[in-house]
Amino acid sequence: MKSISVEEVQQLLESGKELNLIDVREVDEVAAGIIPTAINIPLGLIEFRMNELDKSKEYIMVCRSGGRSGNATMFLENQGFNVANMDGGMLAWAGEVE
């Protein structure tokens, strides 16, 4: 399973790179703050909403601490998607949230 650090994600966003971030936390968790441009697909819905994703793009999975996003990363990887897990999740995130 590929992973990416919160620092790398933050640097890429600050450099203007367009990232495909998917936050797999529950809706009430996301209400406390989400990385700008991230879309919320709760972990339990990934299987049913993966048809909204494009296998030609790379996705970075995010959750509170990295566990659920790790599960989502492994699942999507097994489905043929190019995905990476953001290590440490939102607990480690020091960047902007909305």
PDB file of N, CA and C in Angstrom:
ATOM      1  N   MET A   1       0.850  -1.186   0.000  1.00  0.00           N
ATOM      2  CA  MET A   1       0.000   0.000   0.000  1.00  0.00           C
ATOM      3  C   MET A   1       0.891   1.242   0.000  1.00  0.00           C
ATOM      4  N   LYS A   2       0.625   2.139  -0.945  1.00  0.00           N
ATOM      5  CA  LYS A   2       1.363   3.394  -1.005  1.00  0.00           C
ATOM      6  C   LYS A   2       0.866   4.336   0.085  1.00  0.00           C
ATOM      7  N   SER A   3       1.784   5.152   0.595  1.00  0.00           N
ATOM      8  CA  SER A   3       1.385   6.161   1.563  1.00  0.00           C
ATOM      9  C   SER A   3       2.079   7.474   1.232  1.00  0.00           C
ATOM     10  N   ILE A   4       1.540   8.540   1.785  1.00  0.00           N
ATOM     11  CA  ILE A   4       2.078   9.881   1.585  1.00  0.00           C
ATOM     12  C   ILE A   4       1.963  10.611   2.915  1.00  0.00           C
ATOM     13  N   SER A   5       2.962  11.428   3.234  1.00  0.00           N
ATOM     14  CA  SER A   5       2.934  12.141   4.513  1.00  0.00           C
ATOM     15  C   SER A   5       2.050  13.380   4.411  1.00  0.00           C
ATOM     16  N   VAL A   6       1.577  13.851   5.570  1.00  0.00           N
ATOM     17  CA  VAL A   6       0.772  15.079   5.580  1.00  0.00           C
ATOM     18  C   VAL A   6       1.604  16.251   5.062  1.00  0.00           C
ATOM     19  N   GLU A   7       2.898  16.232   5.356  1.00  0.00           N
ATOM     20  CA  GLU A   7       3.777  17.312   4.888  1.00  0.00           C
ATOM     21  C   GLU A   7       3.853  17.334   3.360  1.00  0.00           C
ATOM     22  N   GLU A   8       3.967  16.135   2.756  1.00  0.00           N
ATOM     23  CA  GLU A   8       4.003  16.063   1.293  1.00  0.00           C
ATOM     24  C   GLU A   8       2.702  16.583   0.684  1.00  0.00           C
ATOM     25  N   VAL A   9       1.574  16.181   1.268  1.00  0.00           N
ATOM     26  CA  VAL A   9       0.275  16.634   0.762  1.00  0.00           C
ATOM     27  C   VAL A   9       0.188  18.153   0.867  1.00  0.00           C
ATOM     28  N   GLN A  10       0.592  18.695   2.017  1.00  0.00           N
ATOM     29  CA  GLN A  10       0.524  20.132   2.222  1.00  0.00           C
ATOM     30  C   GLN A  10       1.421  20.876   1.223  1.00  0.00           C
ATOM     31  N   GLN A  11       2.629  20.372   1.003  1.00  0.00           N
ATOM     32  CA  GLN A  11       3.550  21.000   0.048  1.00  0.00           C
ATOM     33  C   GLN A  11       2.976  20.979  -1.368  1.00  0.00           C
ATOM     34  N   LEU A  12       2.384  19.848  -1.745  1.00  0.00           N
ATOM     35  CA  LEU A  12       1.797  19.738  -3.084  1.00  0.00           C
ATOM     36  C   LEU A  12       0.650  20.725  -3.257  1.00  0.00           C
ATOM     37  N   LEU A  13      -0.210  20.845  -2.237  1.00  0.00           N
ATOM     38  CA  LEU A  13      -1.326  21.788  -2.309  1.00  0.00           C
ATOM     39  C   LEU A  13      -0.819  23.225  -2.373  1.00  0.00           C
ATOM     40  N   GLU A  14       0.191  23.548  -1.549  1.00  0.00           N
ATOM     41  CA  GLU A  14       0.741  24.911  -1.528  1.00  0.00           C
ATOM     42  C   GLU A  14       1.426  25.269  -2.838  1.00  0.00           C
ATOM     43  N   SER A  15       1.939  24.259  -3.548  1.00  0.00           N
ATOM     44  CA  SER A  15       2.587  24.524  -4.833  1.00  0.00           C
ATOM     45  C   SER A  15       1.570  24.653  -5.969  1.00  0.00           C
ATOM     46  N   GLY A  16       0.290  24.466  -5.635  1.00  0.00           N
ATOM     47  CA  GLY A  16      -0.760  24.621  -6.633  1.00  0.00           C
ATOM     48  C   GLY A  16      -1.126  23.349  -7.362  1.00  0.00           C
ATOM     49  N   LYS A  17      -0.553  22.225  -6.956  1.00  0.00           N
ATOM     50  CA  LYS A  17      -0.868  20.948  -7.609  1.00  0.00           C
ATOM     51  C   LYS A  17      -2.306  20.557  -7.270  1.00  0.00           C
ATOM     52  N   GLU A  18      -3.024  20.116  -8.273  1.00  0.00           N
ATOM     53  CA  GLU A  18      -4.398  19.662  -8.071  1.00  0.00           C
ATOM     54  C   GLU A  18      -4.364  18.212  -7.594  1.00  0.00           C
ATOM     55  N   LEU A  19      -4.862  17.992  -6.374  1.00  0.00           N
ATOM     56  CA  LEU A  19      -4.874  16.649  -5.798  1.00  0.00           C
ATOM     57  C   LEU A  19      -6.300  16.143  -5.708  1.00  0.00           C
ATOM     58  N   ASN A  20      -6.454  14.841  -5.820  1.00  0.00           N
ATOM     59  CA  ASN A  20      -7.759  14.204  -5.652  1.00  0.00           C
ATOM     60  C   ASN A  20      -7.784  13.583  -4.257  1.00  0.00           C
ATOM     61  N   LEU A  21      -8.280  14.367  -3.302  1.00  0.00           N
ATOM     62  CA  LEU A  21      -8.339  13.922  -1.913  1.00  0.00           C
ATOM     63  C   LEU A  21      -9.728  13.390  -1.610  1.00  0.00           C
ATOM     64  N   ILE A  22      -9.776  12.214  -0.983  1.00  0.00           N
ATOM     65  CA  ILE A  22     -11.049  11.642  -0.566  1.00  0.00           C
ATOM     66  C   ILE A  22     -10.991  11.432   0.942  1.00  0.00           C
ATOM     67  N   ASP A  23     -11.879  12.118   1.657  1.00  0.00           N
ATOM     68  CA  ASP A  23     -11.966  12.015   3.111  1.00  0.00           C
ATOM     69  C   ASP A  23     -13.021  10.965   3.437  1.00  0.00           C
ATOM     70  N   VAL A  24     -12.608   9.876   4.091  1.00  0.00           N
ATOM     71  CA  VAL A  24     -13.529   8.767   4.348  1.00  0.00           C
ATOM     72  C   VAL A  24     -14.157   8.819   5.741  1.00  0.00           C
ATOM     73  N   ARG A  25     -14.002   9.970   6.429  1.00  0.00           N
ATOM     74  CA  ARG A  25     -14.638  10.104   7.741  1.00  0.00           C
ATOM     75  C   ARG A  25     -16.146  10.268   7.583  1.00  0.00           C
ATOM     76  N   GLU A  26     -16.846  10.077   8.683  1.00  0.00           N
ATOM     77  CA  GLU A  26     -18.297  10.254   8.675  1.00  0.00           C
ATOM     78  C   GLU A  26     -18.625  11.744   8.544  1.00  0.00           C
ATOM     79  N   VAL A  27     -19.842  12.033   8.084  1.00  0.00           N
ATOM     80  CA  VAL A  27     -20.269  13.406   7.820  1.00  0.00           C
ATOM     81  C   VAL A  27     -20.105  14.300   9.053  1.00  0.00           C
ATOM     82  N   ASP A  28     -20.449  13.801  10.242  1.00  0.00           N
ATOM     83  CA  ASP A  28     -20.332  14.623  11.450  1.00  0.00           C
ATOM     84  C   ASP A  28     -18.874  14.939  11.781  1.00  0.00           C
ATOM     85  N   GLU A  29     -17.942  14.043  11.448  1.00  0.00           N
ATOM     86  CA  GLU A  29     -16.519  14.298  11.667  1.00  0.00           C
ATOM     87  C   GLU A  29     -16.012  15.366  10.701  1.00  0.00           C
ATOM     88  N   VAL A  30     -16.465  15.298   9.461  1.00  0.00           N
ATOM     89  CA  VAL A  30     -16.041  16.240   8.429  1.00  0.00           C
ATOM     90  C   VAL A  30     -16.539  17.647   8.752  1.00  0.00           C
ATOM     91  N   ALA A  31     -17.664  17.744   9.449  1.00  0.00           N
ATOM     92  CA  ALA A  31     -18.214  19.051   9.816  1.00  0.00           C
ATOM     93  C   ALA A  31     -17.230  19.849  10.671  1.00  0.00           C
ATOM     94  N   ALA A  32     -16.325  19.167  11.372  1.00  0.00           N
ATOM     95  CA  ALA A  32     -15.331  19.839  12.215  1.00  0.00           C
ATOM     96  C   ALA A  32     -14.182  20.410  11.383  1.00  0.00           C
ATOM     97  N   GLY A  33     -14.092  20.039  10.113  1.00  0.00           N
ATOM     98  CA  GLY A  33     -13.049  20.566   9.239  1.00  0.00           C
ATOM     99  C   GLY A  33     -12.577  19.529   8.241  1.00  0.00           C
ATOM    100  N   ILE A  34     -12.423  19.982   7.011  1.00  0.00           N
ATOM    101  CA  ILE A  34     -11.973  19.119   5.922  1.00  0.00           C
ATOM    102  C   ILE A  34     -10.930  19.882   5.109  1.00  0.00           C
ATOM    103  N   ILE A  35      -9.978  19.170   4.550  1.00  0.00           N
ATOM    104  CA  ILE A  35      -8.965  19.807   3.709  1.00  0.00           C
ATOM    105  C   ILE A  35      -9.668  20.390   2.479  1.00  0.00           C
ATOM    106  N   PRO A  36      -9.399  21.672   2.168  1.00  0.00           N
ATOM    107  CA  PRO A  36     -10.040  22.259   0.979  1.00  0.00           C
ATOM    108  C   PRO A  36      -9.792  21.389  -0.254  1.00  0.00           C
ATOM    109  N   THR A  37     -10.780  21.263  -1.079  1.00  0.00           N
ATOM    110  CA  THR A  37     -10.823  20.467  -2.325  1.00  0.00           C
ATOM    111  C   THR A  37     -11.079  18.984  -2.091  1.00  0.00           C
ATOM    112  N   ALA A  38     -11.008  18.510  -0.844  1.00  0.00           N
ATOM    113  CA  ALA A  38     -11.294  17.090  -0.576  1.00  0.00           C
ATOM    114  C   ALA A  38     -12.785  16.834  -0.718  1.00  0.00           C
ATOM    115  N   ILE A  39     -13.109  15.635  -1.189  1.00  0.00           N
ATOM    116  CA  ILE A  39     -14.513  15.237  -1.220  1.00  0.00           C
ATOM    117  C   ILE A  39     -14.726  14.196  -0.132  1.00  0.00           C
ATOM    118  N   ASN A  40     -15.927  14.198   0.427  1.00  0.00           N
ATOM    119  CA  ASN A  40     -16.242  13.276   1.509  1.00  0.00           C
ATOM    120  C   ASN A  40     -17.027  12.085   0.964  1.00  0.00           C
ATOM    121  N   ILE A  41     -16.435  10.910   1.109  1.00  0.00           N
ATOM    122  CA  ILE A  41     -17.138   9.652   0.834  1.00  0.00           C
ATOM    123  C   ILE A  41     -16.879   8.772   2.051  1.00  0.00           C
ATOM    124  N   PRO A  42     -17.846   8.690   2.979  1.00  0.00           N
ATOM    125  CA  PRO A  42     -17.627   7.868   4.175  1.00  0.00           C
ATOM    126  C   PRO A  42     -17.202   6.444   3.810  1.00  0.00           C
ATOM    127  N   LEU A  43     -16.328   5.864   4.638  1.00  0.00           N
ATOM    128  CA  LEU A  43     -15.766   4.545   4.363  1.00  0.00           C
ATOM    129  C   LEU A  43     -16.833   3.522   3.990  1.00  0.00           C
ATOM    130  N   GLY A  44     -17.944   3.524   4.701  1.00  0.00           N
ATOM    131  CA  GLY A  44     -19.004   2.555   4.441  1.00  0.00           C
ATOM    132  C   GLY A  44     -19.650   2.693   3.067  1.00  0.00           C
ATOM    133  N   LEU A  45     -19.426   3.822   2.401  1.00  0.00           N
ATOM    134  CA  LEU A  45     -20.035   4.058   1.087  1.00  0.00           C
ATOM    135  C   LEU A  45     -19.047   3.921  -0.067  1.00  0.00           C
ATOM    136  N   ILE A  46     -17.765   3.720   0.238  1.00  0.00           N
ATOM    137  CA  ILE A  46     -16.736   3.636  -0.812  1.00  0.00           C
ATOM    138  C   ILE A  46     -17.102   2.601  -1.880  1.00  0.00           C
ATOM    139  N   GLU A  47     -17.501   1.420  -1.446  1.00  0.00           N
ATOM    140  CA  GLU A  47     -17.820   0.350  -2.389  1.00  0.00           C
ATOM    141  C   GLU A  47     -18.946   0.755  -3.338  1.00  0.00           C
ATOM    142  N   PHE A  48     -19.915   1.527  -2.828  1.00  0.00           N
ATOM    143  CA  PHE A  48     -21.083   1.894  -3.621  1.00  0.00           C
ATOM    144  C   PHE A  48     -20.859   3.145  -4.464  1.00  0.00           C
ATOM    145  N   ARG A  49     -19.849   3.944  -4.115  1.00  0.00           N
ATOM    146  CA  ARG A  49     -19.600   5.191  -4.842  1.00  0.00           C
ATOM    147  C   ARG A  49     -18.313   5.170  -5.653  1.00  0.00           C
ATOM    148  N   MET A  50     -17.610   4.028  -5.689  1.00  0.00           N
ATOM    149  CA  MET A  50     -16.346   3.989  -6.435  1.00  0.00           C
ATOM    150  C   MET A  50     -16.566   4.191  -7.929  1.00  0.00           C
ATOM    151  N   ASN A  51     -17.804   4.005  -8.401  1.00  0.00           N
ATOM    152  CA  ASN A  51     -18.104   4.258  -9.811  1.00  0.00           C
ATOM    153  C   ASN A  51     -17.984   5.745 -10.140  1.00  0.00           C
ATOM    154  N   GLU A  52     -17.931   6.619  -9.120  1.00  0.00           N
ATOM    155  CA  GLU A  52     -17.759   8.056  -9.326  1.00  0.00           C
ATOM    156  C   GLU A  52     -16.282   8.411  -9.526  1.00  0.00           C
ATOM    157  N   LEU A  53     -15.400   7.444  -9.271  1.00  0.00           N
ATOM    158  CA  LEU A  53     -13.959   7.691  -9.357  1.00  0.00           C
ATOM    159  C   LEU A  53     -13.421   7.252 -10.718  1.00  0.00           C
ATOM    160  N   ASP A  54     -12.295   7.847 -11.107  1.00  0.00           N
ATOM    161  CA  ASP A  54     -11.678   7.609 -12.408  1.00  0.00           C
ATOM    162  C   ASP A  54     -10.374   6.835 -12.200  1.00  0.00           C
ATOM    163  N   LYS A  55     -10.280   5.644 -12.758  1.00  0.00           N
ATOM    164  CA  LYS A  55      -9.090   4.809 -12.566  1.00  0.00           C
ATOM    165  C   LYS A  55      -7.832   5.409 -13.184  1.00  0.00           C
ATOM    166  N   SER A  56      -7.970   6.424 -14.031  1.00  0.00           N
ATOM    167  CA  SER A  56      -6.788   7.050 -14.634  1.00  0.00           C
ATOM    168  C   SER A  56      -6.201   8.144 -13.731  1.00  0.00           C
ATOM    169  N   LYS A  57      -6.890   8.460 -12.629  1.00  0.00           N
ATOM    170  CA  LYS A  57      -6.417   9.497 -11.705  1.00  0.00           C
ATOM    171  C   LYS A  57      -5.822   8.861 -10.452  1.00  0.00           C
ATOM    172  N   GLU A  58      -4.993   9.638  -9.759  1.00  0.00           N
ATOM    173  CA  GLU A  58      -4.449   9.188  -8.478  1.00  0.00           C
ATOM    174  C   GLU A  58      -5.264   9.827  -7.365  1.00  0.00           C
ATOM    175  N   TYR A  59      -5.583   9.040  -6.343  1.00  0.00           N
ATOM    176  CA  TYR A  59      -6.366   9.516  -5.207  1.00  0.00           C
ATOM    177  C   TYR A  59      -5.566   9.389  -3.924  1.00  0.00           C
ATOM    178  N   ILE A  60      -5.770  10.346  -3.031  1.00  0.00           N
ATOM    179  CA  ILE A  60      -5.158  10.313  -1.707  1.00  0.00           C
ATOM    180  C   ILE A  60      -6.294  10.182  -0.705  1.00  0.00           C
ATOM    181  N   MET A  61      -6.225   9.125   0.092  1.00  0.00           N
ATOM    182  CA  MET A  61      -7.278   8.834   1.061  1.00  0.00           C
ATOM    183  C   MET A  61      -6.920   9.439   2.417  1.00  0.00           C
ATOM    184  N   VAL A  62      -7.930  10.035   3.072  1.00  0.00           N
ATOM    185  CA  VAL A  62      -7.742  10.745   4.339  1.00  0.00           C
ATOM    186  C   VAL A  62      -8.811  10.306   5.327  1.00  0.00           C
ATOM    187  N   CYS A  63      -8.423  10.158   6.605  1.00  0.00           N
ATOM    188  CA  CYS A  63      -9.402   9.965   7.674  1.00  0.00           C
ATOM    189  C   CYS A  63      -8.880  10.665   8.925  1.00  0.00           C
ATOM    190  N   ARG A  64      -9.368  10.276  10.098  1.00  0.00           N
ATOM    191  CA  ARG A  64      -8.955  10.942  11.331  1.00  0.00           C
ATOM    192  C   ARG A  64      -7.496  10.649  11.660  1.00  0.00           C
ATOM    193  N   SER A  65      -7.111   9.350  11.622  1.00  0.00           N
ATOM    194  CA  SER A  65      -5.753   8.995  12.045  1.00  0.00           C
ATOM    195  C   SER A  65      -4.979   8.164  11.020  1.00  0.00           C
ATOM    196  N   GLY A  66      -5.632   7.697   9.974  1.00  0.00           N
ATOM    197  CA  GLY A  66      -4.958   6.909   8.942  1.00  0.00           C
ATOM    198  C   GLY A  66      -5.416   5.468   8.858  1.00  0.00           C
ATOM    199  N   GLY A  67      -6.192   5.003   9.827  1.00  0.00           N
ATOM    200  CA  GLY A  67      -6.655   3.615   9.832  1.00  0.00           C
ATOM    201  C   GLY A  67      -7.738   3.328   8.810  1.00  0.00           C
ATOM    202  N   ARG A  68      -8.831   4.090   8.874  1.00  0.00           N
ATOM    203  CA  ARG A  68      -9.933   3.872   7.928  1.00  0.00           C
ATOM    204  C   ARG A  68      -9.503   4.188   6.502  1.00  0.00           C
ATOM    205  N   SER A  69      -8.696   5.235   6.348  1.00  0.00           N
ATOM    206  CA  SER A  69      -8.240   5.566   4.999  1.00  0.00           C
ATOM    207  C   SER A  69      -7.308   4.476   4.477  1.00  0.00           C
ATOM    208  N   GLY A  70      -6.590   3.809   5.382  1.00  0.00           N
ATOM    209  CA  GLY A  70      -5.768   2.669   4.987  1.00  0.00           C
ATOM    210  C   GLY A  70      -6.626   1.536   4.459  1.00  0.00           C
ATOM    211  N   ASN A  71      -7.744   1.280   5.133  1.00  0.00           N
ATOM    212  CA  ASN A  71      -8.681   0.251   4.659  1.00  0.00           C
ATOM    213  C   ASN A  71      -9.238   0.618   3.291  1.00  0.00           C
ATOM    214  N   ALA A  72      -9.609   1.890   3.126  1.00  0.00           N
ATOM    215  CA  ALA A  72     -10.148   2.351   1.846  1.00  0.00           C
ATOM    216  C   ALA A  72      -9.089   2.252   0.757  1.00  0.00           C
ATOM    217  N   THR A  73      -7.840   2.588   1.099  1.00  0.00           N
ATOM    218  CA  THR A  73      -6.740   2.516   0.137  1.00  0.00           C
ATOM    219  C   THR A  73      -6.558   1.079  -0.348  1.00  0.00           C
ATOM    220  N   MET A  74      -6.521   0.131   0.580  1.00  0.00           N
ATOM    221  CA  MET A  74      -6.345  -1.276   0.197  1.00  0.00           C
ATOM    222  C   MET A  74      -7.516  -1.766  -0.657  1.00  0.00           C
ATOM    223  N   PHE A  75      -8.738  -1.391  -0.273  1.00  0.00           N
ATOM    224  CA  PHE A  75      -9.912  -1.818  -1.031  1.00  0.00           C
ATOM    225  C   PHE A  75      -9.855  -1.285  -2.460  1.00  0.00           C
ATOM    226  N   LEU A  76      -9.619   0.033  -2.603  1.00  0.00           N
ATOM    227  CA  LEU A  76      -9.602   0.627  -3.941  1.00  0.00           C
ATOM    228  C   LEU A  76      -8.432   0.125  -4.768  1.00  0.00           C
ATOM    229  N   GLU A  77      -7.292  -0.110  -4.111  1.00  0.00           N
ATOM    230  CA  GLU A  77      -6.129  -0.665  -4.802  1.00  0.00           C
ATOM    231  C   GLU A  77      -6.482  -2.031  -5.397  1.00  0.00           C
ATOM    232  N   ASN A  78      -7.206  -2.829  -4.639  1.00  0.00           N
ATOM    233  CA  ASN A  78      -7.634  -4.153  -5.119  1.00  0.00           C
ATOM    234  C   ASN A  78      -8.637  -4.060  -6.265  1.00  0.00           C
ATOM    235  N   GLN A  79      -9.280  -2.897  -6.402  1.00  0.00           N
ATOM    236  CA  GLN A  79     -10.243  -2.685  -7.484  1.00  0.00           C
ATOM    237  C   GLN A  79      -9.572  -2.055  -8.713  1.00  0.00           C
ATOM    238  N   GLY A  80      -8.250  -1.850  -8.633  1.00  0.00           N
ATOM    239  CA  GLY A  80      -7.518  -1.314  -9.773  1.00  0.00           C
ATOM    240  C   GLY A  80      -7.285   0.185  -9.773  1.00  0.00           C
ATOM    241  N   PHE A  81      -7.555   0.846  -8.646  1.00  0.00           N
ATOM    242  CA  PHE A  81      -7.349   2.288  -8.555  1.00  0.00           C
ATOM    243  C   PHE A  81      -5.934   2.605  -8.096  1.00  0.00           C
ATOM    244  N   ASN A  82      -5.453   3.789  -8.476  1.00  0.00           N
ATOM    245  CA  ASN A  82      -4.145   4.295  -8.070  1.00  0.00           C
ATOM    246  C   ASN A  82      -4.381   5.171  -6.832  1.00  0.00           C
ATOM    247  N   VAL A  83      -4.087   4.640  -5.650  1.00  0.00           N
ATOM    248  CA  VAL A  83      -4.404   5.332  -4.400  1.00  0.00           C
ATOM    249  C   VAL A  83      -3.227   5.311  -3.436  1.00  0.00           C
ATOM    250  N   ALA A  84      -3.209   6.314  -2.556  1.00  0.00           N
ATOM    251  CA  ALA A  84      -2.215   6.391  -1.489  1.00  0.00           C
ATOM    252  C   ALA A  84      -2.933   6.807  -0.211  1.00  0.00           C
ATOM    253  N   ASN A  85      -2.435   6.340   0.907  1.00  0.00           N
ATOM    254  CA  ASN A  85      -2.997   6.677   2.206  1.00  0.00           C
ATOM    255  C   ASN A  85      -2.204   7.829   2.816  1.00  0.00           C
ATOM    256  N   MET A  86      -2.909   8.857   3.327  1.00  0.00           N
ATOM    257  CA  MET A  86      -2.223   9.961   3.994  1.00  0.00           C
ATOM    258  C   MET A  86      -1.934   9.549   5.435  1.00  0.00           C
ATOM    259  N   ASP A  87      -0.646   9.333   5.721  1.00  0.00           N
ATOM    260  CA  ASP A  87      -0.212   8.902   7.057  1.00  0.00           C
ATOM    261  C   ASP A  87      -0.586   9.922   8.123  1.00  0.00           C
ATOM    262  N   GLY A  88      -1.128   9.436   9.228  1.00  0.00           N
ATOM    263  CA  GLY A  88      -1.429  10.314  10.356  1.00  0.00           C
ATOM    264  C   GLY A  88      -2.787  10.977  10.298  1.00  0.00           C
ATOM    265  N   GLY A  89      -3.388  11.033   9.122  1.00  0.00           N
ATOM    266  CA  GLY A  89      -4.725  11.586   8.974  1.00  0.00           C
ATOM    267  C   GLY A  89      -4.852  13.026   9.429  1.00  0.00           C
ATOM    268  N   MET A  90      -6.082  13.405   9.751  1.00  0.00           N
ATOM    269  CA  MET A  90      -6.365  14.780  10.136  1.00  0.00           C
ATOM    270  C   MET A  90      -5.757  15.136  11.491  1.00  0.00           C
ATOM    271  N   LEU A  91      -5.459  14.132  12.313  1.00  0.00           N
ATOM    272  CA  LEU A  91      -4.807  14.426  13.584  1.00  0.00           C
ATOM    273  C   LEU A  91      -3.425  15.032  13.352  1.00  0.00           C
ATOM    274  N   ALA A  92      -2.765  14.643  12.268  1.00  0.00           N
ATOM    275  CA  ALA A  92      -1.433  15.142  11.950  1.00  0.00           C
ATOM    276  C   ALA A  92      -1.465  16.362  11.036  1.00  0.00           C
ATOM    277  N   TRP A  93      -2.623  16.676  10.491  1.00  0.00           N
ATOM    278  CA  TRP A  93      -2.752  17.773   9.523  1.00  0.00           C
ATOM    279  C   TRP A  93      -2.626  19.122  10.217  1.00  0.00           C
ATOM    280  N   ALA A  94      -1.705  19.947   9.741  1.00  0.00           N
ATOM    281  CA  ALA A  94      -1.517  21.292  10.304  1.00  0.00           C
ATOM    282  C   ALA A  94      -1.927  22.367   9.309  1.00  0.00           C
ATOM    283  N   GLY A  95      -2.357  21.941   8.134  1.00  0.00           N
ATOM    284  CA  GLY A  95      -2.709  22.886   7.084  1.00  0.00           C
ATOM    285  C   GLY A  95      -4.120  23.445   7.239  1.00  0.00           C
ATOM    286  N   GLU A  96      -4.531  24.117   6.197  1.00  0.00           N
ATOM    287  CA  GLU A  96      -5.822  24.784   6.162  1.00  0.00           C
ATOM    288  C   GLU A  96      -6.961  23.755   6.150  1.00  0.00           C
ATOM    289  N   VAL A  97      -8.061  24.116   6.794  1.00  0.00           N
ATOM    290  CA  VAL A  97      -9.293  23.316   6.732  1.00  0.00           C
ATOM    291  C   VAL A  97     -10.459  24.264   6.460  1.00  0.00           C
ATOM    292  N   GLU A  98     -11.521  23.688   5.945  1.00  0.00           N
ATOM    293  CA  GLU A  98     -12.724  24.504   5.722  1.00  0.00           C
ATOM    294  C   GLU A  98     -13.929  23.840   6.338  1.00  0.00           C
TER     295      GLU A  98
END
